[in-house]
């Protein structure tokens, strides 16, 4: 029987992975796509967004096509959750044309790909390719890896840096494992910065890996799928910072906090409070849903740094509580302090 091709979508927090997957599902060109969403946090914000794409046939159950792994990074949970999940999907092999795995922004790609070497999986599935999503505006502003010029000069002076932050190492590992880089938010950076970003990326990427721009995740499926790379068979050619470690460890200080509020909240002052909050605490990402006064639709809110995006995605249903639910991802976050900062009048 044929192997199901698997595309791994990786990238830093807020880079636009979910937007890319949503667009691919909405423009699947007849492909039957199963999606695994790895959510860092207790409630699956991204998974719920994907389910609301309404791409499944009426007789299909979206819950069986989109699977969330909710207890942290995929690279840390491949045995506990990934293995039984992929086994269930392999039982439906004849109903699936391809699988997408959207990793969390804190997941290393290689440990996940190594799982496809397991005998029980490798006979039924293969990693077709790895797509790394990069936020052009953030990279140009130096919010992920620092000033590009300064970083490049520092690397040229000392190619064996020993004092990289975990975030920088993660970003470099995601680039080293890529078959394609999708550059998002290109409309928010000027042409000079974009050229600088492209030039820097090409120096960091393996030879032959291309960088393509994708406004709002709008990339043709034929560009994202069909690499036929069998990545699990040539991982040695994709070096990472953790290759010499028996088992990698994440920064234990990184955590997620969820805040739920039963009352409706005006989004404008809420965003102002959130912008103040990210100045006070080391918050990498904010995402969730907001119940807006006198609005029948649910507001999706996503934030990286001081930049916040929002849109109304659908009507609230009668069965669900109209709650504001936000997930904060960062370092040593304190739930009580966050609740006080955003919920006080």
C-alpha atoms as a PDB file:
ATOM      1  CA  UNK A   1       0.000   0.000   0.000  1.00  0.00           C
ATOM      2  CA  UNK A   2       1.123   3.559  -0.663  1.00  0.00           C
ATOM      3  CA  UNK A   3       2.709   5.734   1.988  1.00  0.00           C
ATOM      4  CA  UNK A   4       0.732   8.807   3.030  1.00  0.00           C
ATOM      5  CA  UNK A   5       2.803  11.957   2.382  1.00  0.00           C
ATOM      6  CA  UNK A   6       3.132  14.131   5.487  1.00  0.00           C
ATOM      7  CA  UNK A   7       3.965  17.837   5.365  1.00  0.00           C
ATOM      8  CA  UNK A   8       5.321  19.374   8.574  1.00  0.00           C
ATOM      9  CA  UNK A   9       4.485  23.072   9.014  1.00  0.00           C
ATOM     10  CA  UNK A  10       6.901  24.611  11.485  1.00  0.00           C
ATOM     11  CA  UNK A  11       7.832  28.160  12.451  1.00  0.00           C
ATOM     12  CA  UNK A  12       8.103  30.569  15.308  1.00  0.00           C
ATOM     13  CA  UNK A  13       5.208  31.741  17.457  1.00  0.00           C
ATOM     14  CA  UNK A  14       2.832  33.979  15.513  1.00  0.00           C
ATOM     15  CA  UNK A  15       4.559  33.503  12.184  1.00  0.00           C
ATOM     16  CA  UNK A  16       1.311  32.536  10.451  1.00  0.00           C
ATOM     17  CA  UNK A  17       1.266  28.722  10.407  1.00  0.00           C
ATOM     18  CA  UNK A  18      -2.438  28.405  11.132  1.00  0.00           C
ATOM     19  CA  UNK A  19      -3.305  30.972   8.458  1.00  0.00           C
ATOM     20  CA  UNK A  20      -1.259  28.982   5.961  1.00  0.00           C
ATOM     21  CA  UNK A  21      -3.000  25.728   6.888  1.00  0.00           C
ATOM     22  CA  UNK A  22      -6.444  27.340   6.757  1.00  0.00           C
ATOM     23  CA  UNK A  23      -5.805  28.611   3.231  1.00  0.00           C
ATOM     24  CA  UNK A  24      -4.517  25.219   2.144  1.00  0.00           C
ATOM     25  CA  UNK A  25      -7.627  23.498   3.505  1.00  0.00           C
ATOM     26  CA  UNK A  26      -9.909  26.004   1.828  1.00  0.00           C
ATOM     27  CA  UNK A  27      -8.096  25.504  -1.480  1.00  0.00           C
ATOM     28  CA  UNK A  28      -7.381  21.781  -1.263  1.00  0.00           C
ATOM     29  CA  UNK A  29      -8.108  21.155  -4.980  1.00  0.00           C
ATOM     30  CA  UNK A  30      -9.912  17.936  -4.150  1.00  0.00           C
ATOM     31  CA  UNK A  31      -7.254  16.558  -1.821  1.00  0.00           C
ATOM     32  CA  UNK A  32      -8.448  14.736   1.290  1.00  0.00           C
ATOM     33  CA  UNK A  33      -6.253  16.309   3.970  1.00  0.00           C
ATOM     34  CA  UNK A  34      -5.971  15.238   7.609  1.00  0.00           C
ATOM     35  CA  UNK A  35      -4.537  17.820   9.996  1.00  0.00           C
ATOM     36  CA  UNK A  36      -2.732  17.382  13.303  1.00  0.00           C
ATOM     37  CA  UNK A  37      -2.562  20.597  15.304  1.00  0.00           C
ATOM     38  CA  UNK A  38      -0.094  20.770  18.163  1.00  0.00           C
ATOM     39  CA  UNK A  39      -1.287  23.385  20.622  1.00  0.00           C
ATOM     40  CA  UNK A  40       0.872  24.772  23.427  1.00  0.00           C
ATOM     41  CA  UNK A  41      -1.651  25.472  26.163  1.00  0.00           C
ATOM     42  CA  UNK A  42      -4.700  23.931  27.750  1.00  0.00           C
ATOM     43  CA  UNK A  43      -7.285  25.064  25.225  1.00  0.00           C
ATOM     44  CA  UNK A  44      -6.914  24.584  21.511  1.00  0.00           C
ATOM     45  CA  UNK A  45      -7.305  28.013  19.971  1.00  0.00           C
ATOM     46  CA  UNK A  46      -5.712  27.104  16.636  1.00  0.00           C
ATOM     47  CA  UNK A  47      -7.531  23.783  16.418  1.00  0.00           C
ATOM     48  CA  UNK A  48     -10.873  25.506  16.855  1.00  0.00           C
ATOM     49  CA  UNK A  49     -10.008  27.999  14.127  1.00  0.00           C
ATOM     50  CA  UNK A  50      -9.178  25.153  11.756  1.00  0.00           C
ATOM     51  CA  UNK A  51     -12.387  23.288  12.523  1.00  0.00           C
ATOM     52  CA  UNK A  52     -14.355  26.405  11.660  1.00  0.00           C
ATOM     53  CA  UNK A  53     -12.935  26.433   8.121  1.00  0.00           C
ATOM     54  CA  UNK A  54     -15.865  24.160   7.189  1.00  0.00           C
ATOM     55  CA  UNK A  55     -13.820  22.322   4.572  1.00  0.00           C
ATOM     56  CA  UNK A  56     -15.038  18.825   5.412  1.00  0.00           C
ATOM     57  CA  UNK A  57     -17.847  17.172   3.479  1.00  0.00           C
ATOM     58  CA  UNK A  58     -21.190  17.334   5.235  1.00  0.00           C
ATOM     59  CA  UNK A  59     -21.096  13.642   6.097  1.00  0.00           C
ATOM     60  CA  UNK A  60     -17.606  13.895   7.558  1.00  0.00           C
ATOM     61  CA  UNK A  61     -16.851  14.736  11.152  1.00  0.00           C
ATOM     62  CA  UNK A  62     -14.244  17.532  11.361  1.00  0.00           C
ATOM     63  CA  UNK A  63     -13.180  16.146  14.736  1.00  0.00           C
ATOM     64  CA  UNK A  64     -11.810  13.053  13.004  1.00  0.00           C
ATOM     65  CA  UNK A  65      -9.814  15.076  10.474  1.00  0.00           C
ATOM     66  CA  UNK A  66      -8.285  17.637  12.808  1.00  0.00           C
ATOM     67  CA  UNK A  67      -6.557  16.216  15.862  1.00  0.00           C
ATOM     68  CA  UNK A  68      -5.095  18.339  18.645  1.00  0.00           C
ATOM     69  CA  UNK A  69      -2.195  17.309  20.850  1.00  0.00           C
ATOM     70  CA  UNK A  70      -2.656  19.572  23.834  1.00  0.00           C
ATOM     71  CA  UNK A  71       0.056  18.763  26.343  1.00  0.00           C
ATOM     72  CA  UNK A  72       3.006  20.671  24.944  1.00  0.00           C
ATOM     73  CA  UNK A  73       5.448  20.334  22.085  1.00  0.00           C
ATOM     74  CA  UNK A  74       5.105  17.543  19.585  1.00  0.00           C
ATOM     75  CA  UNK A  75       8.800  16.825  19.905  1.00  0.00           C
ATOM     76  CA  UNK A  76       8.244  15.984  23.567  1.00  0.00           C
ATOM     77  CA  UNK A  77       5.047  13.965  23.168  1.00  0.00           C
ATOM     78  CA  UNK A  78       5.657  11.774  20.134  1.00  0.00           C
ATOM     79  CA  UNK A  79       5.247   8.599  22.158  1.00  0.00           C
ATOM     80  CA  UNK A  80       2.458   9.692  24.464  1.00  0.00           C
ATOM     81  CA  UNK A  81       0.127  11.243  21.886  1.00  0.00           C
ATOM     82  CA  UNK A  82       1.592  11.378  18.409  1.00  0.00           C
ATOM     83  CA  UNK A  83       2.134   7.632  18.016  1.00  0.00           C
ATOM     84  CA  UNK A  84      -1.462   6.500  18.752  1.00  0.00           C
ATOM     85  CA  UNK A  85      -2.838   9.418  16.741  1.00  0.00           C
ATOM     86  CA  UNK A  86      -0.833   8.649  13.614  1.00  0.00           C
ATOM     87  CA  UNK A  87      -1.703   4.959  14.017  1.00  0.00           C
ATOM     88  CA  UNK A  88      -5.403   5.817  13.905  1.00  0.00           C
ATOM     89  CA  UNK A  89      -4.893   7.923  10.790  1.00  0.00           C
ATOM     90  CA  UNK A  90      -2.999   5.095   9.099  1.00  0.00           C
ATOM     91  CA  UNK A  91      -6.036   2.875   9.584  1.00  0.00           C
ATOM     92  CA  UNK A  92      -7.886   5.345   7.304  1.00  0.00           C
ATOM     93  CA  UNK A  93      -5.095   5.325   4.744  1.00  0.00           C
ATOM     94  CA  UNK A  94      -7.392   4.856   1.770  1.00  0.00           C
ATOM     95  CA  UNK A  95      -9.452   7.904   2.800  1.00  0.00           C
ATOM     96  CA  UNK A  96      -6.501  10.284   3.158  1.00  0.00           C
ATOM     97  CA  UNK A  97      -4.406  11.872   0.406  1.00  0.00           C
ATOM     98  CA  UNK A  98      -1.990  13.693   2.718  1.00  0.00           C
ATOM     99  CA  UNK A  99      -1.429  14.754   6.306  1.00  0.00           C
ATOM    100  CA  UNK A 100      -0.469  18.201   7.600  1.00  0.00           C
ATOM    101  CA  UNK A 101       1.203  18.547  10.989  1.00  0.00           C
ATOM    102  CA  UNK A 102       1.212  22.070  12.387  1.00  0.00           C
ATOM    103  CA  UNK A 103       3.766  22.128  15.187  1.00  0.00           C
ATOM    104  CA  UNK A 104       3.688  24.544  18.073  1.00  0.00           C
ATOM    105  CA  UNK A 105       5.996  27.538  17.890  1.00  0.00           C
ATOM    106  CA  UNK A 106       8.215  25.900  20.518  1.00  0.00           C
ATOM    107  CA  UNK A 107       8.616  22.497  18.865  1.00  0.00           C
ATOM    108  CA  UNK A 108      11.823  21.227  17.331  1.00  0.00           C
ATOM    109  CA  UNK A 109      11.132  19.623  13.938  1.00  0.00           C
ATOM    110  CA  UNK A 110      13.734  16.824  13.945  1.00  0.00           C
ATOM    111  CA  UNK A 111      12.511  14.746  16.919  1.00  0.00           C
ATOM    112  CA  UNK A 112       9.071  14.661  15.317  1.00  0.00           C
ATOM    113  CA  UNK A 113      10.481  13.593  11.953  1.00  0.00           C
ATOM    114  CA  UNK A 114      12.579  10.903  13.617  1.00  0.00           C
ATOM    115  CA  UNK A 115       9.342   9.256  14.734  1.00  0.00           C
ATOM    116  CA  UNK A 116       8.684   8.427  11.079  1.00  0.00           C
ATOM    117  CA  UNK A 117      11.644   6.052  11.251  1.00  0.00           C
ATOM    118  CA  UNK A 118       9.721   3.820  13.628  1.00  0.00           C
ATOM    119  CA  UNK A 119       8.832   0.580  11.887  1.00  0.00           C
ATOM    120  CA  UNK A 120       5.133   0.879  12.753  1.00  0.00           C
ATOM    121  CA  UNK A 121       4.945   4.274  11.030  1.00  0.00           C
ATOM    122  CA  UNK A 122       7.530   4.245   8.226  1.00  0.00           C
ATOM    123  CA  UNK A 123       5.641   1.548   6.301  1.00  0.00           C
ATOM    124  CA  UNK A 124       2.540   3.714   6.159  1.00  0.00           C
ATOM    125  CA  UNK A 125       3.697   7.333   6.043  1.00  0.00           C
ATOM    126  CA  UNK A 126       6.636   9.454   4.931  1.00  0.00           C
ATOM    127  CA  UNK A 127       7.598  13.073   5.604  1.00  0.00           C
ATOM    128  CA  UNK A 128       7.098  14.609   2.162  1.00  0.00           C
ATOM    129  CA  UNK A 129       8.618  17.939   3.183  1.00  0.00           C
ATOM    130  CA  UNK A 130       9.121  20.539   5.907  1.00  0.00           C
ATOM    131  CA  UNK A 131       7.749  24.050   5.409  1.00  0.00           C
ATOM    132  CA  UNK A 132       9.105  26.717   7.762  1.00  0.00           C
ATOM    133  CA  UNK A 133       7.007  29.861   8.163  1.00  0.00           C
ATOM    134  CA  UNK A 134       8.911  33.086   8.928  1.00  0.00           C
ATOM    135  CA  UNK A 135       7.472  36.446   9.981  1.00  0.00           C
ATOM    136  CA  UNK A 136       9.206  38.979   7.692  1.00  0.00           C
ATOM    137  CA  UNK A 137       8.237  42.028   9.732  1.00  0.00           C
ATOM    138  CA  UNK A 138       9.424  40.535  13.010  1.00  0.00           C
ATOM    139  CA  UNK A 139      12.694  39.339  11.522  1.00  0.00           C
ATOM    140  CA  UNK A 140      13.357  42.703   9.895  1.00  0.00           C
ATOM    141  CA  UNK A 141      12.688  44.419  13.226  1.00  0.00           C
ATOM    142  CA  UNK A 142      15.052  42.036  15.029  1.00  0.00           C
ATOM    143  CA  UNK A 143      12.406  40.793  17.483  1.00  0.00           C
ATOM    144  CA  UNK A 144      13.333  37.147  16.968  1.00  0.00           C
ATOM    145  CA  UNK A 145      17.068  37.094  16.341  1.00  0.00           C
ATOM    146  CA  UNK A 146      18.212  40.632  17.095  1.00  0.00           C
ATOM    147  CA  UNK A 147      19.483  43.189  14.609  1.00  0.00           C
ATOM    148  CA  UNK A 148      20.224  41.418  11.333  1.00  0.00           C
ATOM    149  CA  UNK A 149      23.364  43.386  10.522  1.00  0.00           C
ATOM    150  CA  UNK A 150      24.753  43.008  14.027  1.00  0.00           C
ATOM    151  CA  UNK A 151      23.936  39.317  14.114  1.00  0.00           C
ATOM    152  CA  UNK A 152      25.598  38.721  10.756  1.00  0.00           C
ATOM    153  CA  UNK A 153      28.746  40.590  11.840  1.00  0.00           C
ATOM    154  CA  UNK A 154      28.865  38.644  15.095  1.00  0.00           C
ATOM    155  CA  UNK A 155      28.531  35.316  13.302  1.00  0.00           C
ATOM    156  CA  UNK A 156      31.241  36.130  10.829  1.00  0.00           C
ATOM    157  CA  UNK A 157      33.551  37.025  13.708  1.00  0.00           C
ATOM    158  CA  UNK A 158      32.744  33.857  15.663  1.00  0.00           C
ATOM    159  CA  UNK A 159      31.063  31.026  13.746  1.00  0.00           C
ATOM    160  CA  UNK A 160      30.939  28.862  16.872  1.00  0.00           C
ATOM    161  CA  UNK A 161      28.801  31.004  19.139  1.00  0.00           C
ATOM    162  CA  UNK A 162      28.161  29.375  22.493  1.00  0.00           C
ATOM    163  CA  UNK A 163      25.777  31.881  24.015  1.00  0.00           C
ATOM    164  CA  UNK A 164      22.698  31.695  21.815  1.00  0.00           C
ATOM    165  CA  UNK A 165      19.305  31.911  23.465  1.00  0.00           C
ATOM    166  CA  UNK A 166      16.968  28.906  23.209  1.00  0.00           C
ATOM    167  CA  UNK A 167      14.711  30.926  20.899  1.00  0.00           C
ATOM    168  CA  UNK A 168      17.555  31.609  18.485  1.00  0.00           C
ATOM    169  CA  UNK A 169      18.564  27.955  18.496  1.00  0.00           C
ATOM    170  CA  UNK A 170      15.008  26.903  17.821  1.00  0.00           C
ATOM    171  CA  UNK A 171      14.701  29.326  14.920  1.00  0.00           C
ATOM    172  CA  UNK A 172      17.941  28.107  13.370  1.00  0.00           C
ATOM    173  CA  UNK A 173      16.888  24.463  13.762  1.00  0.00           C
ATOM    174  CA  UNK A 174      13.610  25.210  11.974  1.00  0.00           C
ATOM    175  CA  UNK A 175      15.508  26.799   9.088  1.00  0.00           C
ATOM    176  CA  UNK A 176      18.055  23.970   8.899  1.00  0.00           C
ATOM    177  CA  UNK A 177      15.288  21.399   8.536  1.00  0.00           C
ATOM    178  CA  UNK A 178      13.299  23.275   5.857  1.00  0.00           C
ATOM    179  CA  UNK A 179      12.530  22.229   2.311  1.00  0.00           C
ATOM    180  CA  UNK A 180      10.784  25.568   1.748  1.00  0.00           C
ATOM    181  CA  UNK A 181      10.520  28.841   3.669  1.00  0.00           C
ATOM    182  CA  UNK A 182       7.296  30.842   3.470  1.00  0.00           C
ATOM    183  CA  UNK A 183       7.822  34.523   4.261  1.00  0.00           C
ATOM    184  CA  UNK A 184       4.690  36.064   5.788  1.00  0.00           C
ATOM    185  CA  UNK A 185       3.641  39.629   6.671  1.00  0.00           C
ATOM    186  CA  UNK A 186       5.715  40.967   3.777  1.00  0.00           C
ATOM    187  CA  UNK A 187       3.234  43.829   3.374  1.00  0.00           C
ATOM    188  CA  UNK A 188       4.320  45.159   6.786  1.00  0.00           C
ATOM    189  CA  UNK A 189       7.999  45.609   5.880  1.00  0.00           C
ATOM    190  CA  UNK A 190       9.547  47.934   3.304  1.00  0.00           C
ATOM    191  CA  UNK A 191      11.414  46.648   0.256  1.00  0.00           C
ATOM    192  CA  UNK A 192      14.864  47.395   1.692  1.00  0.00           C
ATOM    193  CA  UNK A 193      14.176  45.373   4.832  1.00  0.00           C
ATOM    194  CA  UNK A 194      12.602  42.559   2.817  1.00  0.00           C
ATOM    195  CA  UNK A 195      15.670  42.272   0.612  1.00  0.00           C
ATOM    196  CA  UNK A 196      17.856  42.201   3.714  1.00  0.00           C
ATOM    197  CA  UNK A 197      15.702  39.474   5.234  1.00  0.00           C
ATOM    198  CA  UNK A 198      15.827  37.390   2.052  1.00  0.00           C
ATOM    199  CA  UNK A 199      19.589  37.732   1.751  1.00  0.00           C
ATOM    200  CA  UNK A 200      20.108  36.764   5.394  1.00  0.00           C
ATOM    201  CA  UNK A 201      17.761  33.773   5.105  1.00  0.00           C
ATOM    202  CA  UNK A 202      19.468  32.451   1.987  1.00  0.00           C
ATOM    203  CA  UNK A 203      22.800  32.470   3.836  1.00  0.00           C
ATOM    204  CA  UNK A 204      21.268  30.534   6.731  1.00  0.00           C
ATOM    205  CA  UNK A 205      19.320  28.010   4.652  1.00  0.00           C
ATOM    206  CA  UNK A 206      20.657  24.784   3.147  1.00  0.00           C
ATOM    207  CA  UNK A 207      21.629  25.032  -0.510  1.00  0.00           C
ATOM    208  CA  UNK A 208      18.653  24.892  -2.849  1.00  0.00           C
ATOM    209  CA  UNK A 209      15.991  25.788  -0.279  1.00  0.00           C
ATOM    210  CA  UNK A 210      13.791  28.546  -1.684  1.00  0.00           C
ATOM    211  CA  UNK A 211      12.075  31.461   0.033  1.00  0.00           C
ATOM    212  CA  UNK A 212       8.589  32.382  -1.205  1.00  0.00           C
ATOM    213  CA  UNK A 213       6.318  35.206  -0.068  1.00  0.00           C
ATOM    214  CA  UNK A 214       2.843  34.297   1.129  1.00  0.00           C
ATOM    215  CA  UNK A 215       0.452  37.144   1.908  1.00  0.00           C
ATOM    216  CA  UNK A 216      -2.258  35.913   4.327  1.00  0.00           C
ATOM    217  CA  UNK A 217      -1.087  32.355   3.749  1.00  0.00           C
ATOM    218  CA  UNK A 218      -2.116  32.440   0.102  1.00  0.00           C
ATOM    219  CA  UNK A 219       0.261  29.874  -1.386  1.00  0.00           C
ATOM    220  CA  UNK A 220      -0.741  27.418  -4.104  1.00  0.00           C
ATOM    221  CA  UNK A 221      -1.045  23.848  -2.759  1.00  0.00           C
ATOM    222  CA  UNK A 222       1.299  22.583  -5.469  1.00  0.00           C
ATOM    223  CA  UNK A 223       4.038  24.787  -3.988  1.00  0.00           C
ATOM    224  CA  UNK A 224       3.557  23.457  -0.441  1.00  0.00           C
ATOM    225  CA  UNK A 225       2.979  19.792  -1.246  1.00  0.00           C
ATOM    226  CA  UNK A 226       4.744  17.164  -3.300  1.00  0.00           C
ATOM    227  CA  UNK A 227       8.422  17.590  -2.333  1.00  0.00           C
ATOM    228  CA  UNK A 228       8.879  13.791  -2.253  1.00  0.00           C
ATOM    229  CA  UNK A 229      11.803  14.432   0.086  1.00  0.00           C
ATOM    230  CA  UNK A 230      11.440  11.367   2.378  1.00  0.00           C
ATOM    231  CA  UNK A 231      12.923  13.614   5.055  1.00  0.00           C
ATOM    232  CA  UNK A 232      13.168  10.859   7.655  1.00  0.00           C
ATOM    233  CA  UNK A 233      15.730   9.076   5.471  1.00  0.00           C
ATOM    234  CA  UNK A 234      18.176  12.003   5.196  1.00  0.00           C
ATOM    235  CA  UNK A 235      18.029  13.780   8.536  1.00  0.00           C
ATOM    236  CA  UNK A 236      21.828  13.659   8.776  1.00  0.00           C
ATOM    237  CA  UNK A 237      21.970  16.317   6.053  1.00  0.00           C
ATOM    238  CA  UNK A 238      19.858  18.658   8.206  1.00  0.00           C
ATOM    239  CA  UNK A 239      22.041  19.499  11.216  1.00  0.00           C
ATOM    240  CA  UNK A 240      20.562  20.958  14.396  1.00  0.00           C
ATOM    241  CA  UNK A 241      21.792  22.275  17.716  1.00  0.00           C
ATOM    242  CA  UNK A 242      20.475  19.182  19.470  1.00  0.00           C
ATOM    243  CA  UNK A 243      22.017  16.437  17.322  1.00  0.00           C
ATOM    244  CA  UNK A 244      24.646  15.576  19.938  1.00  0.00           C
ATOM    245  CA  UNK A 245      22.187  15.503  22.823  1.00  0.00           C
ATOM    246  CA  UNK A 246      20.652  12.214  23.903  1.00  0.00           C
ATOM    247  CA  UNK A 247      17.436  13.990  24.759  1.00  0.00           C
ATOM    248  CA  UNK A 248      16.779  17.680  24.329  1.00  0.00           C
ATOM    249  CA  UNK A 249      15.324  19.805  27.083  1.00  0.00           C
ATOM    250  CA  UNK A 250      13.119  22.835  26.664  1.00  0.00           C
ATOM    251  CA  UNK A 251      13.402  25.934  28.735  1.00  0.00           C
ATOM    252  CA  UNK A 252      11.379  24.961  31.828  1.00  0.00           C
ATOM    253  CA  UNK A 253      10.607  28.608  32.493  1.00  0.00           C
ATOM    254  CA  UNK A 254       8.474  28.877  29.336  1.00  0.00           C
ATOM    255  CA  UNK A 255       4.819  28.344  30.186  1.00  0.00           C
ATOM    256  CA  UNK A 256       1.317  29.133  29.043  1.00  0.00           C
ATOM    257  CA  UNK A 257      -1.504  30.813  30.940  1.00  0.00           C
ATOM    258  CA  UNK A 258      -5.139  30.896  29.919  1.00  0.00           C
ATOM    259  CA  UNK A 259      -7.595  33.574  31.002  1.00  0.00           C
ATOM    260  CA  UNK A 260     -11.357  33.101  30.673  1.00  0.00           C
ATOM    261  CA  UNK A 261     -13.884  35.884  31.263  1.00  0.00           C
ATOM    262  CA  UNK A 262     -17.680  35.483  31.067  1.00  0.00           C
ATOM    263  CA  UNK A 263     -18.401  39.140  30.362  1.00  0.00           C
ATOM    264  CA  UNK A 264     -18.160  40.919  27.008  1.00  0.00           C
ATOM    265  CA  UNK A 265     -15.080  43.105  26.538  1.00  0.00           C
ATOM    266  CA  UNK A 266     -14.459  46.084  24.263  1.00  0.00           C
ATOM    267  CA  UNK A 267     -11.520  45.025  22.069  1.00  0.00           C
ATOM    268  CA  UNK A 268      -9.880  48.462  21.731  1.00  0.00           C
ATOM    269  CA  UNK A 269      -9.108  49.037  25.439  1.00  0.00           C
ATOM    270  CA  UNK A 270      -8.342  45.315  25.780  1.00  0.00           C
ATOM    271  CA  UNK A 271      -5.625  45.548  23.130  1.00  0.00           C
ATOM    272  CA  UNK A 272      -4.212  48.662  24.816  1.00  0.00           C
ATOM    273  CA  UNK A 273      -3.995  46.741  28.097  1.00  0.00           C
ATOM    274  CA  UNK A 274      -2.347  43.814  26.346  1.00  0.00           C
ATOM    275  CA  UNK A 275       0.208  46.111  24.713  1.00  0.00           C
ATOM    276  CA  UNK A 276       1.076  47.506  28.144  1.00  0.00           C
ATOM    277  CA  UNK A 277       1.254  43.995  29.560  1.00  0.00           C
ATOM    278  CA  UNK A 278       3.814  42.762  27.023  1.00  0.00           C
ATOM    279  CA  UNK A 279       6.067  45.627  28.119  1.00  0.00           C
ATOM    280  CA  UNK A 280       5.931  44.381  31.701  1.00  0.00           C
ATOM    281  CA  UNK A 281       6.230  40.611  31.197  1.00  0.00           C
ATOM    282  CA  UNK A 282       8.155  38.427  28.729  1.00  0.00           C
ATOM    283  CA  UNK A 283       5.181  37.360  26.615  1.00  0.00           C
ATOM    284  CA  UNK A 284       5.939  35.738  23.266  1.00  0.00           C
ATOM    285  CA  UNK A 285       2.424  35.199  21.974  1.00  0.00           C
ATOM    286  CA  UNK A 286      -1.212  36.025  22.800  1.00  0.00           C
ATOM    287  CA  UNK A 287      -4.113  34.388  20.993  1.00  0.00           C
ATOM    288  CA  UNK A 288      -7.748  33.647  21.603  1.00  0.00           C
ATOM    289  CA  UNK A 289     -11.356  34.692  21.176  1.00  0.00           C
ATOM    290  CA  UNK A 290     -13.125  37.810  22.460  1.00  0.00           C
ATOM    291  CA  UNK A 291     -16.797  38.295  23.222  1.00  0.00           C
ATOM    292  CA  UNK A 292     -17.504  41.848  22.043  1.00  0.00           C
ATOM    293  CA  UNK A 293     -20.455  43.833  23.442  1.00  0.00           C
ATOM    294  CA  UNK A 294     -23.471  43.974  21.101  1.00  0.00           C
ATOM    295  CA  UNK A 295     -21.708  41.880  18.443  1.00  0.00           C
ATOM    296  CA  UNK A 296     -23.201  38.533  17.366  1.00  0.00           C
ATOM    297  CA  UNK A 297     -19.870  37.350  15.956  1.00  0.00           C
ATOM    298  CA  UNK A 298     -16.793  35.999  17.701  1.00  0.00           C
ATOM    299  CA  UNK A 299     -13.609  38.077  17.466  1.00  0.00           C
ATOM    300  CA  UNK A 300     -10.339  36.227  16.893  1.00  0.00           C
ATOM    301  CA  UNK A 301      -7.407  38.038  18.522  1.00  0.00           C
ATOM    302  CA  UNK A 302      -3.733  37.236  17.927  1.00  0.00           C
ATOM    303  CA  UNK A 303      -0.716  39.160  19.162  1.00  0.00           C
ATOM    304  CA  UNK A 304       3.067  39.015  18.822  1.00  0.00           C
ATOM    305  CA  UNK A 305       4.966  41.706  20.662  1.00  0.00           C
ATOM    306  CA  UNK A 306       3.103  45.003  20.332  1.00  0.00           C
ATOM    307  CA  UNK A 307       1.458  43.933  17.085  1.00  0.00           C
ATOM    308  CA  UNK A 308      -2.115  42.649  17.335  1.00  0.00           C
ATOM    309  CA  UNK A 309      -4.389  41.357  14.599  1.00  0.00           C
ATOM    310  CA  UNK A 310      -8.105  40.682  14.944  1.00  0.00           C
ATOM    311  CA  UNK A 311     -11.012  39.585  12.785  1.00  0.00           C
ATOM    312  CA  UNK A 312     -14.554  38.280  13.207  1.00  0.00           C
ATOM    313  CA  UNK A 313     -14.624  34.662  12.086  1.00  0.00           C
ATOM    314  CA  UNK A 314     -18.178  33.439  12.730  1.00  0.00           C
ATOM    315  CA  UNK A 315     -21.403  33.823  14.717  1.00  0.00           C
ATOM    316  CA  UNK A 316     -21.534  32.582  18.283  1.00  0.00           C
ATOM    317  CA  UNK A 317     -23.607  29.412  18.465  1.00  0.00           C
ATOM    318  CA  UNK A 318     -26.440  28.878  20.914  1.00  0.00           C
ATOM    319  CA  UNK A 319     -24.685  25.882  22.446  1.00  0.00           C
ATOM    320  CA  UNK A 320     -21.410  27.630  23.369  1.00  0.00           C
ATOM    321  CA  UNK A 321     -20.803  30.118  26.197  1.00  0.00           C
ATOM    322  CA  UNK A 322     -20.027  33.642  25.010  1.00  0.00           C
ATOM    323  CA  UNK A 323     -16.686  33.929  26.747  1.00  0.00           C
ATOM    324  CA  UNK A 324     -13.483  35.825  26.177  1.00  0.00           C
ATOM    325  CA  UNK A 325     -10.732  33.187  26.173  1.00  0.00           C
ATOM    326  CA  UNK A 326      -7.090  34.140  25.771  1.00  0.00           C
ATOM    327  CA  UNK A 327      -3.905  32.069  25.894  1.00  0.00           C
ATOM    328  CA  UNK A 328      -0.598  33.725  26.834  1.00  0.00           C
ATOM    329  CA  UNK A 329       2.715  32.027  26.018  1.00  0.00           C
ATOM    330  CA  UNK A 330       5.908  33.366  27.542  1.00  0.00           C
ATOM    331  CA  UNK A 331       8.500  33.048  30.275  1.00  0.00           C
ATOM    332  CA  UNK A 332       7.548  32.673  33.973  1.00  0.00           C
ATOM    333  CA  UNK A 333       4.061  34.093  33.374  1.00  0.00           C
ATOM    334  CA  UNK A 334       1.870  34.754  36.397  1.00  0.00           C
ATOM    335  CA  UNK A 335      -1.847  34.112  35.873  1.00  0.00           C
ATOM    336  CA  UNK A 336      -3.029  36.379  38.707  1.00  0.00           C
ATOM    337  CA  UNK A 337      -0.978  39.332  37.461  1.00  0.00           C
ATOM    338  CA  UNK A 338      -2.230  38.870  33.896  1.00  0.00           C
ATOM    339  CA  UNK A 339      -5.876  38.630  34.985  1.00  0.00           C
ATOM    340  CA  UNK A 340      -5.531  41.739  37.116  1.00  0.00           C
ATOM    341  CA  UNK A 341      -3.903  43.668  34.285  1.00  0.00           C
ATOM    342  CA  UNK A 342      -6.511  42.937  31.614  1.00  0.00           C
ATOM    343  CA  UNK A 343      -9.760  42.378  33.548  1.00  0.00           C
ATOM    344  CA  UNK A 344      -9.685  45.283  35.969  1.00  0.00           C
ATOM    345  CA  UNK A 345     -11.959  48.193  35.020  1.00  0.00           C
END
